[in-house]
Amino acid sequence: MNSGDYTRETHALREQNFFQNTHSALDEYLARGQAVLGDLGQQREMLKGTQKRLYSVANTLGVSGDTIRMIERRAKQDKWIFGAGVIVFFVFCWAVLHFFG
């Protein structure tokens, strides 16, 4: 076996180790993402319940329906603003990676 074969084998082994490490890291990131998504779903349900209780308390205290509808409309607007911000953020990240990466 000459030194050229040894060098190729060493390079191939290092490359294989790199890909295994990358694969493991990606699996870990995906698992974390799934866990975060599950946690966000649970938080959403909890917040929905809290929102219903707050509306009930507000009605009991005499807050008008118009005020509650105004708050709901504002929450919907905030949701759209947040969604647009997320899209802008991902486009920015893509542009940075595409042009500078």
PDB file of N, CA and C in Angstrom:
ATOM      1  N   MET A   1       0.851  -1.161   0.000  1.00  0.00           N
ATOM      2  CA  MET A   1       0.000   0.000   0.000  1.00  0.00           C
ATOM      3  C   MET A   1       0.904   1.233   0.000  1.00  0.00           C
ATOM      4  N   ASN A   2       0.688   2.102  -0.962  1.00  0.00           N
ATOM      5  CA  ASN A   2       1.536   3.288  -1.016  1.00  0.00           C
ATOM      6  C   ASN A   2       0.899   4.436  -0.242  1.00  0.00           C
ATOM      7  N   SER A   3       1.655   5.503  -0.083  1.00  0.00           N
ATOM      8  CA  SER A   3       1.199   6.619   0.757  1.00  0.00           C
ATOM      9  C   SER A   3      -0.008   7.331   0.143  1.00  0.00           C
ATOM     10  N   GLY A   4      -0.174   7.271  -1.172  1.00  0.00           N
ATOM     11  CA  GLY A   4      -1.332   7.897  -1.824  1.00  0.00           C
ATOM     12  C   GLY A   4      -2.629   7.240  -1.405  1.00  0.00           C
ATOM     13  N   ASP A   5      -2.621   5.896  -1.318  1.00  0.00           N
ATOM     14  CA  ASP A   5      -3.818   5.184  -0.870  1.00  0.00           C
ATOM     15  C   ASP A   5      -4.131   5.518   0.584  1.00  0.00           C
ATOM     16  N   TYR A   6      -3.091   5.591   1.410  1.00  0.00           N
ATOM     17  CA  TYR A   6      -3.285   5.907   2.829  1.00  0.00           C
ATOM     18  C   TYR A   6      -3.886   7.303   2.985  1.00  0.00           C
ATOM     19  N   THR A   7      -3.395   8.242   2.193  1.00  0.00           N
ATOM     20  CA  THR A   7      -3.900   9.611   2.261  1.00  0.00           C
ATOM     21  C   THR A   7      -5.358   9.664   1.825  1.00  0.00           C
ATOM     22  N   ARG A   8      -5.707   8.943   0.773  1.00  0.00           N
ATOM     23  CA  ARG A   8      -7.095   8.911   0.306  1.00  0.00           C
ATOM     24  C   ARG A   8      -8.005   8.285   1.353  1.00  0.00           C
ATOM     25  N   GLU A   9      -7.534   7.203   1.950  1.00  0.00           N
ATOM     26  CA  GLU A   9      -8.343   6.537   2.976  1.00  0.00           C
ATOM     27  C   GLU A   9      -8.529   7.441   4.194  1.00  0.00           C
ATOM     28  N   THR A  10      -7.470   8.116   4.583  1.00  0.00           N
ATOM     29  CA  THR A  10      -7.560   9.032   5.719  1.00  0.00           C
ATOM     30  C   THR A  10      -8.537  10.162   5.415  1.00  0.00           C
ATOM     31  N   HIS A  11      -8.428  10.701   4.209  1.00  0.00           N
ATOM     32  CA  HIS A  11      -9.333  11.777   3.808  1.00  0.00           C
ATOM     33  C   HIS A  11     -10.779  11.279   3.775  1.00  0.00           C
ATOM     34  N   ALA A  12     -10.987  10.097   3.231  1.00  0.00           N
ATOM     35  CA  ALA A  12     -12.339   9.533   3.168  1.00  0.00           C
ATOM     36  C   ALA A  12     -12.894   9.283   4.567  1.00  0.00           C
ATOM     37  N   LEU A  13     -12.051   8.815   5.473  1.00  0.00           N
ATOM     38  CA  LEU A  13     -12.492   8.579   6.844  1.00  0.00           C
ATOM     39  C   LEU A  13     -12.855   9.891   7.538  1.00  0.00           C
ATOM     40  N   ARG A  14     -12.034  10.913   7.359  1.00  0.00           N
ATOM     41  CA  ARG A  14     -12.342  12.222   7.947  1.00  0.00           C
ATOM     42  C   ARG A  14     -13.641  12.787   7.374  1.00  0.00           C
ATOM     43  N   GLU A  15     -13.822  12.606   6.071  1.00  0.00           N
ATOM     44  CA  GLU A  15     -15.043  13.086   5.426  1.00  0.00           C
ATOM     45  C   GLU A  15     -16.265  12.354   5.976  1.00  0.00           C
ATOM     46  N   GLN A  16     -16.140  11.045   6.140  1.00  0.00           N
ATOM     47  CA  GLN A  16     -17.241  10.256   6.685  1.00  0.00           C
ATOM     48  C   GLN A  16     -17.559  10.692   8.116  1.00  0.00           C
ATOM     49  N   ASN A  17     -16.542  10.920   8.929  1.00  0.00           N
ATOM     50  CA  ASN A  17     -16.754  11.391  10.303  1.00  0.00           C
ATOM     51  C   ASN A  17     -17.430  12.759  10.324  1.00  0.00           C
ATOM     52  N   PHE A  18     -17.010  13.626   9.419  1.00  0.00           N
ATOM     53  CA  PHE A  18     -17.622  14.949   9.323  1.00  0.00           C
ATOM     54  C   PHE A  18     -19.104  14.836   8.997  1.00  0.00           C
ATOM     55  N   PHE A  19     -19.436  13.995   8.018  1.00  0.00           N
ATOM     56  CA  PHE A  19     -20.842  13.828   7.642  1.00  0.00           C
ATOM     57  C   PHE A  19     -21.652  13.200   8.769  1.00  0.00           C
ATOM     58  N   GLN A  20     -21.064  12.273   9.496  1.00  0.00           N
ATOM     59  CA  GLN A  20     -21.773  11.674  10.630  1.00  0.00           C
ATOM     60  C   GLN A  20     -22.034  12.720  11.713  1.00  0.00           C
ATOM     61  N   ASN A  21     -21.033  13.538  12.001  1.00  0.00           N
ATOM     62  CA  ASN A  21     -21.205  14.595  13.001  1.00  0.00           C
ATOM     63  C   ASN A  21     -22.261  15.611  12.559  1.00  0.00           C
ATOM     64  N   THR A  22     -22.231  15.964  11.277  1.00  0.00           N
ATOM     65  CA  THR A  22     -23.215  16.900  10.743  1.00  0.00           C
ATOM     66  C   THR A  22     -24.612  16.312  10.824  1.00  0.00           C
ATOM     67  N   HIS A  23     -24.734  15.042  10.463  1.00  0.00           N
ATOM     68  CA  HIS A  23     -26.029  14.362  10.522  1.00  0.00           C
ATOM     69  C   HIS A  23     -26.555  14.338  11.958  1.00  0.00           C
ATOM     70  N   SER A  24     -25.696  14.042  12.900  1.00  0.00           N
ATOM     71  CA  SER A  24     -26.100  14.015  14.312  1.00  0.00           C
ATOM     72  C   SER A  24     -26.542  15.401  14.783  1.00  0.00           C
ATOM     73  N   ALA A  25     -25.793  16.417  14.388  1.00  0.00           N
ATOM     74  CA  ALA A  25     -26.143  17.785  14.787  1.00  0.00           C
ATOM     75  C   ALA A  25     -27.490  18.196  14.195  1.00  0.00           C
ATOM     76  N   LEU A  26     -27.726  17.854  12.931  1.00  0.00           N
ATOM     77  CA  LEU A  26     -29.005  18.189  12.306  1.00  0.00           C
ATOM     78  C   LEU A  26     -30.156  17.458  12.978  1.00  0.00           C
ATOM     79  N   ASP A  27     -29.947  16.192  13.325  1.00  0.00           N
ATOM     80  CA  ASP A  27     -30.981  15.448  14.049  1.00  0.00           C
ATOM     81  C   ASP A  27     -31.297  16.112  15.385  1.00  0.00           C
ATOM     82  N   GLU A  28     -30.257  16.573  16.066  1.00  0.00           N
ATOM     83  CA  GLU A  28     -30.452  17.246  17.354  1.00  0.00           C
ATOM     84  C   GLU A  28     -31.226  18.551  17.171  1.00  0.00           C
ATOM     85  N   TYR A  29     -30.888  19.325  16.132  1.00  0.00           N
ATOM     86  CA  TYR A  29     -31.599  20.573  15.867  1.00  0.00           C
ATOM     87  C   TYR A  29     -33.066  20.302  15.557  1.00  0.00           C
ATOM     88  N   LEU A  30     -33.326  19.265  14.757  1.00  0.00           N
ATOM     89  CA  LEU A  30     -34.713  18.929  14.432  1.00  0.00           C
ATOM     90  C   LEU A  30     -35.486  18.511  15.677  1.00  0.00           C
ATOM     91  N   ALA A  31     -34.852  17.735  16.532  1.00  0.00           N
ATOM     92  CA  ALA A  31     -35.517  17.304  17.768  1.00  0.00           C
ATOM     93  C   ALA A  31     -35.826  18.512  18.655  1.00  0.00           C
ATOM     94  N   ARG A  32     -34.882  19.431  18.750  1.00  0.00           N
ATOM     95  CA  ARG A  32     -35.124  20.648  19.541  1.00  0.00           C
ATOM     96  C   ARG A  32     -36.268  21.457  18.947  1.00  0.00           C
ATOM     97  N   GLY A  33     -36.270  21.582  17.624  1.00  0.00           N
ATOM     98  CA  GLY A  33     -37.335  22.328  16.951  1.00  0.00           C
ATOM     99  C   GLY A  33     -38.701  21.709  17.195  1.00  0.00           C
ATOM    100  N   GLN A  34     -38.770  20.377  17.130  1.00  0.00           N
ATOM    101  CA  GLN A  34     -40.038  19.699  17.393  1.00  0.00           C
ATOM    102  C   GLN A  34     -40.478  19.908  18.832  1.00  0.00           C
ATOM    103  N   ALA A  35     -39.538  19.875  19.761  1.00  0.00           N
ATOM    104  CA  ALA A  35     -39.877  20.095  21.172  1.00  0.00           C
ATOM    105  C   ALA A  35     -40.389  21.519  21.384  1.00  0.00           C
ATOM    106  N   VAL A  36     -39.732  22.481  20.758  1.00  0.00           N
ATOM    107  CA  VAL A  36     -40.160  23.878  20.884  1.00  0.00           C
ATOM    108  C   VAL A  36     -41.548  24.059  20.281  1.00  0.00           C
ATOM    109  N   LEU A  37     -41.788  23.437  19.125  1.00  0.00           N
ATOM    110  CA  LEU A  37     -43.094  23.540  18.487  1.00  0.00           C
ATOM    111  C   LEU A  37     -44.180  22.947  19.378  1.00  0.00           C
ATOM    112  N   GLY A  38     -43.899  21.815  19.998  1.00  0.00           N
ATOM    113  CA  GLY A  38     -44.856  21.213  20.921  1.00  0.00           C
ATOM    114  C   GLY A  38     -45.127  22.117  22.109  1.00  0.00           C
ATOM    115  N   ASP A  39     -44.071  22.713  22.653  1.00  0.00           N
ATOM    116  CA  ASP A  39     -44.232  23.635  23.782  1.00  0.00           C
ATOM    117  C   ASP A  39     -45.059  24.859  23.387  1.00  0.00           C
ATOM    118  N   LEU A  40     -44.824  25.365  22.178  1.00  0.00           N
ATOM    119  CA  LEU A  40     -45.596  26.518  21.719  1.00  0.00           C
ATOM    120  C   LEU A  40     -47.073  26.174  21.575  1.00  0.00           C
ATOM    121  N   GLY A  41     -47.366  24.968  21.116  1.00  0.00           N
ATOM    122  CA  GLY A  41     -48.759  24.536  21.011  1.00  0.00           C
ATOM    123  C   GLY A  41     -49.427  24.480  22.370  1.00  0.00           C
ATOM    124  N   GLN A  42     -48.708  23.959  23.360  1.00  0.00           N
ATOM    125  CA  GLN A  42     -49.261  23.901  24.717  1.00  0.00           C
ATOM    126  C   GLN A  42     -49.475  25.306  25.277  1.00  0.00           C
ATOM    127  N   GLN A  43     -48.526  26.183  25.035  1.00  0.00           N
ATOM    128  CA  GLN A  43     -48.654  27.557  25.521  1.00  0.00           C
ATOM    129  C   GLN A  43     -49.834  28.260  24.859  1.00  0.00           C
ATOM    130  N   ARG A  44     -50.033  27.977  23.575  1.00  0.00           N
ATOM    131  CA  ARG A  44     -51.151  28.593  22.855  1.00  0.00           C
ATOM    132  C   ARG A  44     -52.478  28.184  23.476  1.00  0.00           C
ATOM    133  N   GLU A  45     -52.621  26.899  23.761  1.00  0.00           N
ATOM    134  CA  GLU A  45     -53.857  26.425  24.382  1.00  0.00           C
ATOM    135  C   GLU A  45     -54.055  27.056  25.759  1.00  0.00           C
ATOM    136  N   MET A  46     -52.984  27.157  26.516  1.00  0.00           N
ATOM    137  CA  MET A  46     -53.074  27.767  27.843  1.00  0.00           C
ATOM    138  C   MET A  46     -53.483  29.238  27.731  1.00  0.00           C
ATOM    139  N   LEU A  47     -52.886  29.944  26.770  1.00  0.00           N
ATOM    140  CA  LEU A  47     -53.216  31.358  26.592  1.00  0.00           C
ATOM    141  C   LEU A  47     -54.645  31.551  26.096  1.00  0.00           C
ATOM    142  N   LYS A  48     -55.128  30.625  25.264  1.00  0.00           N
ATOM    143  CA  LYS A  48     -56.522  30.707  24.817  1.00  0.00           C
ATOM    144  C   LYS A  48     -57.468  30.595  26.004  1.00  0.00           C
ATOM    145  N   GLY A  49     -57.188  29.651  26.888  1.00  0.00           N
ATOM    146  CA  GLY A  49     -58.015  29.493  28.085  1.00  0.00           C
ATOM    147  C   GLY A  49     -57.971  30.730  28.963  1.00  0.00           C
ATOM    148  N   THR A  50     -56.779  31.289  29.114  1.00  0.00           N
ATOM    149  CA  THR A  50     -56.625  32.510  29.911  1.00  0.00           C
ATOM    150  C   THR A  50     -57.389  33.665  29.277  1.00  0.00           C
ATOM    151  N   GLN A  51     -57.332  33.750  27.956  1.00  0.00           N
ATOM    152  CA  GLN A  51     -58.042  34.812  27.250  1.00  0.00           C
ATOM    153  C   GLN A  51     -59.550  34.695  27.481  1.00  0.00           C
ATOM    154  N   LYS A  52     -60.074  33.486  27.409  1.00  0.00           N
ATOM    155  CA  LYS A  52     -61.512  33.292  27.637  1.00  0.00           C
ATOM    156  C   LYS A  52     -61.895  33.704  29.052  1.00  0.00           C
ATOM    157  N   ARG A  53     -61.060  33.333  30.015  1.00  0.00           N
ATOM    158  CA  ARG A  53     -61.357  33.717  31.402  1.00  0.00           C
ATOM    159  C   ARG A  53     -61.292  35.238  31.578  1.00  0.00           C
ATOM    160  N   LEU A  54     -60.319  35.883  30.937  1.00  0.00           N
ATOM    161  CA  LEU A  54     -60.217  37.342  31.035  1.00  0.00           C
ATOM    162  C   LEU A  54     -61.425  38.028  30.409  1.00  0.00           C
ATOM    163  N   TYR A  55     -61.892  37.515  29.266  1.00  0.00           N
ATOM    164  CA  TYR A  55     -63.083  38.091  28.642  1.00  0.00           C
ATOM    165  C   TYR A  55     -64.296  37.920  29.547  1.00  0.00           C
ATOM    166  N   SER A  56     -64.376  36.783  30.182  1.00  0.00           N
ATOM    167  CA  SER A  56     -65.481  36.533  31.106  1.00  0.00           C
ATOM    168  C   SER A  56     -65.433  37.510  32.279  1.00  0.00           C
ATOM    169  N   VAL A  57     -64.247  37.698  32.837  1.00  0.00           N
ATOM    170  CA  VAL A  57     -64.088  38.645  33.946  1.00  0.00           C
ATOM    171  C   VAL A  57     -64.392  40.060  33.478  1.00  0.00           C
ATOM    172  N   ALA A  58     -63.927  40.417  32.274  1.00  0.00           N
ATOM    173  CA  ALA A  58     -64.172  41.761  31.744  1.00  0.00           C
ATOM    174  C   ALA A  58     -65.668  41.993  31.568  1.00  0.00           C
ATOM    175  N   ASN A  59     -66.376  40.996  31.054  1.00  0.00           N
ATOM    176  CA  ASN A  59     -67.826  41.133  30.907  1.00  0.00           C
ATOM    177  C   ASN A  59     -68.495  41.271  32.264  1.00  0.00           C
ATOM    178  N   THR A  60     -68.010  40.521  33.224  1.00  0.00           N
ATOM    179  CA  THR A  60     -68.571  40.606  34.573  1.00  0.00           C
ATOM    180  C   THR A  60     -68.358  41.995  35.159  1.00  0.00           C
ATOM    181  N   LEU A  61     -67.210  42.587  34.885  1.00  0.00           N
ATOM    182  CA  LEU A  61     -66.902  43.914  35.421  1.00  0.00           C
ATOM    183  C   LEU A  61     -67.562  45.034  34.625  1.00  0.00           C
ATOM    184  N   GLY A  62     -68.180  44.696  33.516  1.00  0.00           N
ATOM    185  CA  GLY A  62     -68.915  45.699  32.762  1.00  0.00           C
ATOM    186  C   GLY A  62     -68.144  46.343  31.632  1.00  0.00           C
ATOM    187  N   VAL A  63     -67.052  45.744  31.184  1.00  0.00           N
ATOM    188  CA  VAL A  63     -66.328  46.279  30.032  1.00  0.00           C
ATOM    189  C   VAL A  63     -67.214  46.057  28.815  1.00  0.00           C
ATOM    190  N   SER A  64     -67.367  47.073  27.999  1.00  0.00           N
ATOM    191  CA  SER A  64     -68.296  46.989  26.876  1.00  0.00           C
ATOM    192  C   SER A  64     -67.802  46.028  25.804  1.00  0.00           C
ATOM    193  N   GLY A  65     -68.748  45.529  25.031  1.00  0.00           N
ATOM    194  CA  GLY A  65     -68.432  44.629  23.922  1.00  0.00           C
ATOM    195  C   GLY A  65     -67.579  45.310  22.874  1.00  0.00           C
ATOM    196  N   ASP A  66     -67.799  46.621  22.675  1.00  0.00           N
ATOM    197  CA  ASP A  66     -66.988  47.361  21.699  1.00  0.00           C
ATOM    198  C   ASP A  66     -65.517  47.369  22.099  1.00  0.00           C
ATOM    199  N   THR A  67     -65.260  47.537  23.374  1.00  0.00           N
ATOM    200  CA  THR A  67     -63.874  47.540  23.857  1.00  0.00           C
ATOM    201  C   THR A  67     -63.234  46.177  23.649  1.00  0.00           C
ATOM    202  N   ILE A  68     -63.981  45.128  23.926  1.00  0.00           N
ATOM    203  CA  ILE A  68     -63.448  43.777  23.734  1.00  0.00           C
ATOM    204  C   ILE A  68     -63.183  43.517  22.258  1.00  0.00           C
ATOM    205  N   ARG A  69     -64.112  43.939  21.379  1.00  0.00           N
ATOM    206  CA  ARG A  69     -63.901  43.759  19.933  1.00  0.00           C
ATOM    207  C   ARG A  69     -62.690  44.557  19.449  1.00  0.00           C
ATOM    208  N   MET A  70     -62.488  45.752  20.001  1.00  0.00           N
ATOM    209  CA  MET A  70     -61.330  46.562  19.632  1.00  0.00           C
ATOM    210  C   MET A  70     -60.035  45.845  20.046  1.00  0.00           C
ATOM    211  N   ILE A  71     -60.045  45.242  21.217  1.00  0.00           N
ATOM    212  CA  ILE A  71     -58.868  44.500  21.679  1.00  0.00           C
ATOM    213  C   ILE A  71     -58.615  43.297  20.782  1.00  0.00           C
ATOM    214  N   GLU A  72     -59.678  42.580  20.404  1.00  0.00           N
ATOM    215  CA  GLU A  72     -59.523  41.424  19.516  1.00  0.00           C
ATOM    216  C   GLU A  72     -58.984  41.841  18.158  1.00  0.00           C
ATOM    217  N   ARG A  73     -59.498  42.966  17.636  1.00  0.00           N
ATOM    218  CA  ARG A  73     -59.026  43.460  16.339  1.00  0.00           C
ATOM    219  C   ARG A  73     -57.545  43.826  16.420  1.00  0.00           C
ATOM    220  N   ARG A  74     -57.154  44.452  17.509  1.00  0.00           N
ATOM    221  CA  ARG A  74     -55.745  44.822  17.692  1.00  0.00           C
ATOM    222  C   ARG A  74     -54.872  43.573  17.788  1.00  0.00           C
ATOM    223  N   ALA A  75     -55.360  42.544  18.471  1.00  0.00           N
ATOM    224  CA  ALA A  75     -54.606  41.290  18.578  1.00  0.00           C
ATOM    225  C   ALA A  75     -54.421  40.663  17.200  1.00  0.00           C
ATOM    226  N   LYS A  76     -55.451  40.735  16.366  1.00  0.00           N
ATOM    227  CA  LYS A  76     -55.346  40.186  15.008  1.00  0.00           C
ATOM    228  C   LYS A  76     -54.328  40.983  14.194  1.00  0.00           C
ATOM    229  N   GLN A  77     -54.358  42.309  14.329  1.00  0.00           N
ATOM    230  CA  GLN A  77     -53.378  43.143  13.623  1.00  0.00           C
ATOM    231  C   GLN A  77     -51.962  42.823  14.088  1.00  0.00           C
ATOM    232  N   ASP A  78     -51.804  42.646  15.388  1.00  0.00           N
ATOM    233  CA  ASP A  78     -50.484  42.301  15.925  1.00  0.00           C
ATOM    234  C   ASP A  78     -50.001  40.970  15.374  1.00  0.00           C
ATOM    235  N   LYS A  79     -50.921  40.032  15.198  1.00  0.00           N
ATOM    236  CA  LYS A  79     -50.557  38.726  14.649  1.00  0.00           C
ATOM    237  C   LYS A  79     -50.047  38.873  13.212  1.00  0.00           C
ATOM    238  N   TRP A  80     -50.702  39.709  12.412  1.00  0.00           N
ATOM    239  CA  TRP A  80     -50.258  39.937  11.037  1.00  0.00           C
ATOM    240  C   TRP A  80     -48.897  40.642  11.007  1.00  0.00           C
ATOM    241  N   ILE A  81     -48.720  41.595  11.889  1.00  0.00           N
ATOM    242  CA  ILE A  81     -47.431  42.294  11.962  1.00  0.00           C
ATOM    243  C   ILE A  81     -46.327  41.323  12.345  1.00  0.00           C
ATOM    244  N   PHE A  82     -46.595  40.450  13.312  1.00  0.00           N
ATOM    245  CA  PHE A  82     -45.611  39.450  13.714  1.00  0.00           C
ATOM    246  C   PHE A  82     -45.284  38.518  12.546  1.00  0.00           C
ATOM    247  N   GLY A  83     -46.316  38.052  11.825  1.00  0.00           N
ATOM    248  CA  GLY A  83     -46.093  37.168  10.677  1.00  0.00           C
ATOM    249  C   GLY A  83     -45.240  37.840   9.608  1.00  0.00           C
ATOM    250  N   ALA A  84     -45.531  39.101   9.326  1.00  0.00           N
ATOM    251  CA  ALA A  84     -44.730  39.835   8.343  1.00  0.00           C
ATOM    252  C   ALA A  84     -43.295  39.979   8.826  1.00  0.00           C
ATOM    253  N   GLY A  85     -43.116  40.227  10.115  1.00  0.00           N
ATOM    254  CA  GLY A  85     -41.764  40.333  10.671  1.00  0.00           C
ATOM    255  C   GLY A  85     -40.991  39.035  10.546  1.00  0.00           C
ATOM    256  N   VAL A  86     -41.670  37.911  10.769  1.00  0.00           N
ATOM    257  CA  VAL A  86     -41.021  36.603  10.631  1.00  0.00           C
ATOM    258  C   VAL A  86     -40.582  36.387   9.193  1.00  0.00           C
ATOM    259  N   ILE A  87     -41.459  36.719   8.245  1.00  0.00           N
ATOM    260  CA  ILE A  87     -41.116  36.549   6.829  1.00  0.00           C
ATOM    261  C   ILE A  87     -39.928  37.433   6.458  1.00  0.00           C
ATOM    262  N   VAL A  88     -39.947  38.682   6.880  1.00  0.00           N
ATOM    263  CA  VAL A  88     -38.830  39.596   6.590  1.00  0.00           C
ATOM    264  C   VAL A  88     -37.541  39.060   7.203  1.00  0.00           C
ATOM    265  N   PHE A  89     -37.622  38.538   8.417  1.00  0.00           N
ATOM    266  CA  PHE A  89     -36.441  37.983   9.079  1.00  0.00           C
ATOM    267  C   PHE A  89     -35.855  36.821   8.280  1.00  0.00           C
ATOM    268  N   PHE A  90     -36.711  35.894   7.825  1.00  0.00           N
ATOM    269  CA  PHE A  90     -36.204  34.748   7.079  1.00  0.00           C
ATOM    270  C   PHE A  90     -35.649  35.165   5.717  1.00  0.00           C
ATOM    271  N   VAL A  91     -36.278  36.134   5.073  1.00  0.00           N
ATOM    272  CA  VAL A  91     -35.746  36.635   3.798  1.00  0.00           C
ATOM    273  C   VAL A  91     -34.380  37.276   4.037  1.00  0.00           C
ATOM    274  N   PHE A  92     -34.245  38.029   5.112  1.00  0.00           N
ATOM    275  CA  PHE A  92     -32.961  38.645   5.451  1.00  0.00           C
ATOM    276  C   PHE A  92     -31.900  37.572   5.704  1.00  0.00           C
ATOM    277  N   CYS A  93     -32.246  36.547   6.486  1.00  0.00           N
ATOM    278  CA  CYS A  93     -31.289  35.458   6.760  1.00  0.00           C
ATOM    279  C   CYS A  93     -30.880  34.767   5.470  1.00  0.00           C
ATOM    280  N   TRP A  94     -31.855  34.503   4.594  1.00  0.00           N
ATOM    281  CA  TRP A  94     -31.542  33.860   3.317  1.00  0.00           C
ATOM    282  C   TRP A  94     -30.600  34.748   2.508  1.00  0.00           C
ATOM    283  N   ALA A  95     -30.892  36.055   2.462  1.00  0.00           N
ATOM    284  CA  ALA A  95     -30.053  36.967   1.679  1.00  0.00           C
ATOM    285  C   ALA A  95     -28.631  36.999   2.220  1.00  0.00           C
ATOM    286  N   VAL A  96     -28.488  37.036   3.531  1.00  0.00           N
ATOM    287  CA  VAL A  96     -27.146  37.050   4.122  1.00  0.00           C
ATOM    288  C   VAL A  96     -26.412  35.772   3.768  1.00  0.00           C
ATOM    289  N   LEU A  97     -27.072  34.633   3.922  1.00  0.00           N
ATOM    290  CA  LEU A  97     -26.419  33.359   3.606  1.00  0.00           C
ATOM    291  C   LEU A  97     -26.136  33.227   2.113  1.00  0.00           C
ATOM    292  N   HIS A  98     -27.051  33.716   1.291  1.00  0.00           N
ATOM    293  CA  HIS A  98     -26.892  33.587  -0.160  1.00  0.00           C
ATOM    294  C   HIS A  98     -25.768  34.477  -0.690  1.00  0.00           C
ATOM    295  N   PHE A  99     -25.717  35.714  -0.220  1.00  0.00           N
ATOM    296  CA  PHE A  99     -24.756  36.656  -0.771  1.00  0.00           C
ATOM    297  C   PHE A  99     -23.427  36.691  -0.022  1.00  0.00           C
ATOM    298  N   PHE A 100     -23.424  36.347   1.260  1.00  0.00           N
ATOM    299  CA  PHE A 100     -22.189  36.403   2.034  1.00  0.00           C
ATOM    300  C   PHE A 100     -21.691  35.034   2.458  1.00  0.00           C
ATOM    301  N   GLY A 101     -22.514  34.001   2.266  1.00  0.00           N
ATOM    302  CA  GLY A 101     -22.134  32.662   2.725  1.00  0.00           C
ATOM    303  C   GLY A 101     -21.453  31.948   1.691  1.00  0.00           C
TER     304      GLY A 101
END
